[in-house]
Amino acid sequence: MQVQKCRFFVLLLPALYLLYGISLALQFGNNADLINTIANSCLLFLATIILTNMARLKNWIDFIWFCVFILYIIILLHLVAYIAV
């Protein structure tokens, strides 16, 4: 039961990604990069909310794998959105 409540801590990962993207956009980019960062972070946050509501975690190993899966999605989006440009 406790793991089911802790699954919502995964929602902090897109927020950390947003802060990271905004800091990069302000240091090295322009307004278009800032808008791109905010749009990508909102997309990640929405996907994370949907996956968090669908997740049925039974033990802490499931929670760890769920966190790794969300990080995997964030890394894939980062590779597609920023390194390809």
N, C-alpha and C. Protein backbone atom coordinates (compact mmCIF):
# COMPACT_ATOMS: atom_id res chain seq x y z
N MET A 1 0.82 -1.20 0.00
CA MET A 1 0.00 0.00 0.00
C MET A 1 0.86 1.25 0.00
N GLN A 2 1.97 1.21 0.70
CA GLN A 2 2.82 2.38 0.79
C GLN A 2 3.48 2.69 -0.55
N VAL A 3 3.77 1.68 -1.33
CA VAL A 3 4.39 1.88 -2.63
C VAL A 3 3.41 2.57 -3.58
N GLN A 4 2.13 2.27 -3.45
CA GLN A 4 1.14 2.90 -4.31
C GLN A 4 1.09 4.41 -4.09
N LYS A 5 1.33 4.86 -2.87
CA LYS A 5 1.33 6.29 -2.59
C LYS A 5 2.63 6.94 -3.04
N CYS A 6 3.72 6.21 -2.99
CA CYS A 6 5.02 6.76 -3.38
C CYS A 6 5.18 6.90 -4.88
N ARG A 7 4.30 6.28 -5.64
CA ARG A 7 4.45 6.35 -7.09
C ARG A 7 4.27 7.77 -7.61
N PHE A 8 3.61 8.63 -6.85
CA PHE A 8 3.41 10.00 -7.30
C PHE A 8 4.66 10.86 -7.16
N PHE A 9 5.68 10.35 -6.48
CA PHE A 9 6.96 11.06 -6.44
C PHE A 9 7.63 11.05 -7.81
N VAL A 10 7.22 10.16 -8.67
CA VAL A 10 7.78 10.10 -10.02
C VAL A 10 7.41 11.37 -10.80
N LEU A 11 6.35 12.04 -10.38
CA LEU A 11 5.95 13.27 -11.05
C LEU A 11 6.97 14.39 -10.86
N LEU A 12 7.90 14.21 -9.95
CA LEU A 12 8.96 15.21 -9.78
C LEU A 12 9.98 15.16 -10.91
N LEU A 13 10.10 14.04 -11.57
CA LEU A 13 11.10 13.90 -12.63
C LEU A 13 10.86 14.86 -13.80
N PRO A 14 9.63 15.01 -14.32
CA PRO A 14 9.43 16.01 -15.38
C PRO A 14 9.64 17.44 -14.88
N ALA A 15 9.37 17.68 -13.61
CA ALA A 15 9.62 19.03 -13.07
C ALA A 15 11.12 19.33 -13.03
N LEU A 16 11.91 18.33 -12.66
CA LEU A 16 13.36 18.51 -12.68
C LEU A 16 13.86 18.69 -14.10
N TYR A 17 13.27 17.98 -15.04
CA TYR A 17 13.63 18.14 -16.45
C TYR A 17 13.28 19.54 -16.93
N LEU A 18 12.15 20.07 -16.48
CA LEU A 18 11.76 21.43 -16.85
C LEU A 18 12.77 22.44 -16.33
N LEU A 19 13.18 22.30 -15.09
CA LEU A 19 14.17 23.23 -14.53
C LEU A 19 15.50 23.14 -15.27
N TYR A 20 15.91 21.93 -15.60
CA TYR A 20 17.14 21.73 -16.36
C TYR A 20 17.04 22.37 -17.74
N GLY A 21 15.94 22.17 -18.42
CA GLY A 21 15.76 22.73 -19.76
C GLY A 21 15.67 24.24 -19.76
N ILE A 22 15.00 24.80 -18.76
CA ILE A 22 14.91 26.26 -18.68
C ILE A 22 16.27 26.87 -18.41
N SER A 23 17.05 26.25 -17.54
CA SER A 23 18.38 26.79 -17.27
C SER A 23 19.26 26.73 -18.51
N LEU A 24 19.18 25.64 -19.28
CA LEU A 24 19.95 25.56 -20.52
C LEU A 24 19.47 26.57 -21.55
N ALA A 25 18.15 26.74 -21.67
CA ALA A 25 17.61 27.67 -22.65
C ALA A 25 17.97 29.11 -22.31
N LEU A 26 17.99 29.44 -21.04
CA LEU A 26 18.35 30.81 -20.65
C LEU A 26 19.83 31.08 -20.83
N GLN A 27 20.67 30.08 -20.64
CA GLN A 27 22.11 30.28 -20.78
C GLN A 27 22.56 30.27 -22.23
N PHE A 28 22.05 29.33 -23.02
CA PHE A 28 22.61 29.12 -24.35
C PHE A 28 21.64 29.38 -25.49
N GLY A 29 20.38 29.55 -25.21
CA GLY A 29 19.40 29.60 -26.28
C GLY A 29 18.69 30.93 -26.39
N ASN A 30 17.58 30.89 -27.08
CA ASN A 30 16.75 32.07 -27.27
C ASN A 30 15.32 31.73 -26.85
N ASN A 31 14.38 32.58 -27.24
CA ASN A 31 12.99 32.37 -26.83
C ASN A 31 12.39 31.10 -27.44
N ALA A 32 12.81 30.75 -28.64
CA ALA A 32 12.28 29.53 -29.27
C ALA A 32 12.70 28.29 -28.48
N ASP A 33 13.92 28.27 -28.00
CA ASP A 33 14.37 27.14 -27.18
C ASP A 33 13.62 27.08 -25.86
N LEU A 34 13.31 28.23 -25.30
CA LEU A 34 12.56 28.26 -24.05
C LEU A 34 11.14 27.72 -24.25
N ILE A 35 10.50 28.12 -25.34
CA ILE A 35 9.15 27.62 -25.64
C ILE A 35 9.19 26.11 -25.91
N ASN A 36 10.23 25.66 -26.63
CA ASN A 36 10.39 24.24 -26.91
C ASN A 36 10.57 23.44 -25.62
N THR A 37 11.35 23.97 -24.71
CA THR A 37 11.58 23.30 -23.43
C THR A 37 10.29 23.19 -22.62
N ILE A 38 9.54 24.26 -22.57
CA ILE A 38 8.28 24.25 -21.81
C ILE A 38 7.27 23.29 -22.45
N ALA A 39 7.19 23.28 -23.77
CA ALA A 39 6.27 22.37 -24.45
C ALA A 39 6.66 20.91 -24.23
N ASN A 40 7.95 20.61 -24.34
CA ASN A 40 8.40 19.23 -24.12
C ASN A 40 8.18 18.79 -22.68
N SER A 41 8.39 19.69 -21.74
CA SER A 41 8.18 19.34 -20.34
C SER A 41 6.71 19.11 -20.03
N CYS A 42 5.84 19.89 -20.63
CA CYS A 42 4.40 19.67 -20.44
C CYS A 42 3.97 18.33 -21.03
N LEU A 43 4.54 17.98 -22.19
CA LEU A 43 4.25 16.68 -22.79
C LEU A 43 4.73 15.54 -21.89
N LEU A 44 5.92 15.67 -21.35
CA LEU A 44 6.44 14.65 -20.43
C LEU A 44 5.61 14.56 -19.16
N PHE A 45 5.19 15.71 -18.64
CA PHE A 45 4.39 15.70 -17.42
C PHE A 45 3.05 15.02 -17.67
N LEU A 46 2.44 15.29 -18.81
CA LEU A 46 1.17 14.65 -19.14
C LEU A 46 1.33 13.14 -19.30
N ALA A 47 2.39 12.72 -20.00
CA ALA A 47 2.64 11.28 -20.17
C ALA A 47 2.93 10.61 -18.84
N THR A 48 3.65 11.30 -17.96
CA THR A 48 3.97 10.73 -16.65
C THR A 48 2.72 10.61 -15.79
N ILE A 49 1.83 11.58 -15.86
CA ILE A 49 0.57 11.50 -15.11
C ILE A 49 -0.25 10.30 -15.59
N ILE A 50 -0.34 10.13 -16.90
CA ILE A 50 -1.12 9.00 -17.43
C ILE A 50 -0.51 7.67 -17.00
N LEU A 51 0.81 7.55 -17.12
CA LEU A 51 1.46 6.30 -16.73
C LEU A 51 1.38 6.05 -15.23
N THR A 52 1.45 7.12 -14.44
CA THR A 52 1.36 6.96 -12.99
C THR A 52 -0.03 6.49 -12.58
N ASN A 53 -1.05 7.00 -13.23
CA ASN A 53 -2.41 6.55 -12.91
C ASN A 53 -2.65 5.11 -13.34
N MET A 54 -1.97 4.67 -14.39
CA MET A 54 -2.14 3.29 -14.87
C MET A 54 -1.29 2.29 -14.09
N ALA A 55 -0.28 2.75 -13.39
CA ALA A 55 0.67 1.84 -12.73
C ALA A 55 0.04 1.17 -11.51
N ARG A 56 0.29 -0.11 -11.40
CA ARG A 56 -0.11 -0.89 -10.23
C ARG A 56 1.16 -1.50 -9.65
N LEU A 57 1.73 -0.82 -8.69
CA LEU A 57 3.01 -1.24 -8.11
C LEU A 57 2.75 -2.10 -6.88
N LYS A 58 3.41 -3.23 -6.82
CA LYS A 58 3.19 -4.16 -5.71
C LYS A 58 4.31 -4.14 -4.69
N ASN A 59 5.53 -3.85 -5.14
CA ASN A 59 6.66 -3.81 -4.20
C ASN A 59 7.65 -2.74 -4.66
N TRP A 60 8.73 -2.62 -3.92
CA TRP A 60 9.69 -1.54 -4.19
C TRP A 60 10.47 -1.78 -5.47
N ILE A 61 10.62 -3.03 -5.86
CA ILE A 61 11.30 -3.32 -7.13
C ILE A 61 10.48 -2.76 -8.30
N ASP A 62 9.17 -2.90 -8.22
CA ASP A 62 8.30 -2.33 -9.24
C ASP A 62 8.43 -0.81 -9.29
N PHE A 63 8.54 -0.19 -8.12
CA PHE A 63 8.70 1.26 -8.07
C PHE A 63 10.02 1.69 -8.72
N ILE A 64 11.08 0.96 -8.46
CA ILE A 64 12.38 1.30 -9.06
C ILE A 64 12.33 1.14 -10.57
N TRP A 65 11.72 0.06 -11.05
CA TRP A 65 11.60 -0.13 -12.49
C TRP A 65 10.71 0.93 -13.13
N PHE A 66 9.70 1.36 -12.42
CA PHE A 66 8.83 2.42 -12.92
C PHE A 66 9.61 3.73 -13.05
N CYS A 67 10.43 4.05 -12.07
CA CYS A 67 11.27 5.25 -12.14
C CYS A 67 12.26 5.16 -13.30
N VAL A 68 12.85 4.00 -13.48
CA VAL A 68 13.79 3.81 -14.59
C VAL A 68 13.08 3.96 -15.93
N PHE A 69 11.87 3.46 -16.03
CA PHE A 69 11.12 3.58 -17.27
C PHE A 69 10.80 5.04 -17.58
N ILE A 70 10.41 5.81 -16.58
CA ILE A 70 10.12 7.23 -16.80
C ILE A 70 11.39 7.97 -17.19
N LEU A 71 12.51 7.66 -16.54
CA LEU A 71 13.78 8.28 -16.93
C LEU A 71 14.16 7.90 -18.36
N TYR A 72 13.88 6.69 -18.76
CA TYR A 72 14.14 6.25 -20.13
C TYR A 72 13.34 7.08 -21.13
N ILE A 73 12.08 7.33 -20.83
CA ILE A 73 11.25 8.16 -21.71
C ILE A 73 11.81 9.58 -21.79
N ILE A 74 12.25 10.13 -20.66
CA ILE A 74 12.81 11.48 -20.64
C ILE A 74 14.08 11.54 -21.48
N ILE A 75 14.95 10.55 -21.34
CA ILE A 75 16.20 10.53 -22.11
C ILE A 75 15.91 10.39 -23.60
N LEU A 76 14.96 9.54 -23.97
CA LEU A 76 14.62 9.41 -25.39
C LEU A 76 14.08 10.71 -25.96
N LEU A 77 13.21 11.39 -25.23
CA LEU A 77 12.70 12.66 -25.72
C LEU A 77 13.82 13.68 -25.84
N HIS A 78 14.73 13.70 -24.89
CA HIS A 78 15.84 14.64 -24.94
C HIS A 78 16.73 14.36 -26.16
N LEU A 79 16.99 13.09 -26.44
CA LEU A 79 17.80 12.75 -27.60
C LEU A 79 17.12 13.15 -28.90
N VAL A 80 15.83 12.92 -28.99
CA VAL A 80 15.11 13.25 -30.22
C VAL A 80 14.95 14.75 -30.38
N ALA A 81 14.67 15.46 -29.30
CA ALA A 81 14.35 16.88 -29.40
C ALA A 81 15.57 17.78 -29.52
N TYR A 82 16.66 17.44 -28.87
CA TYR A 82 17.76 18.39 -28.79
C TYR A 82 19.01 17.96 -29.53
N ILE A 83 19.36 16.70 -29.48
CA ILE A 83 20.61 16.28 -30.11
C ILE A 83 20.44 16.19 -31.62
N ALA A 84 19.24 15.91 -32.09
CA ALA A 84 19.01 15.82 -33.53
C ALA A 84 19.06 17.18 -34.21
N VAL A 85 18.90 18.25 -33.46
CA VAL A 85 18.88 19.59 -34.05
C VAL A 85 20.28 20.11 -34.23
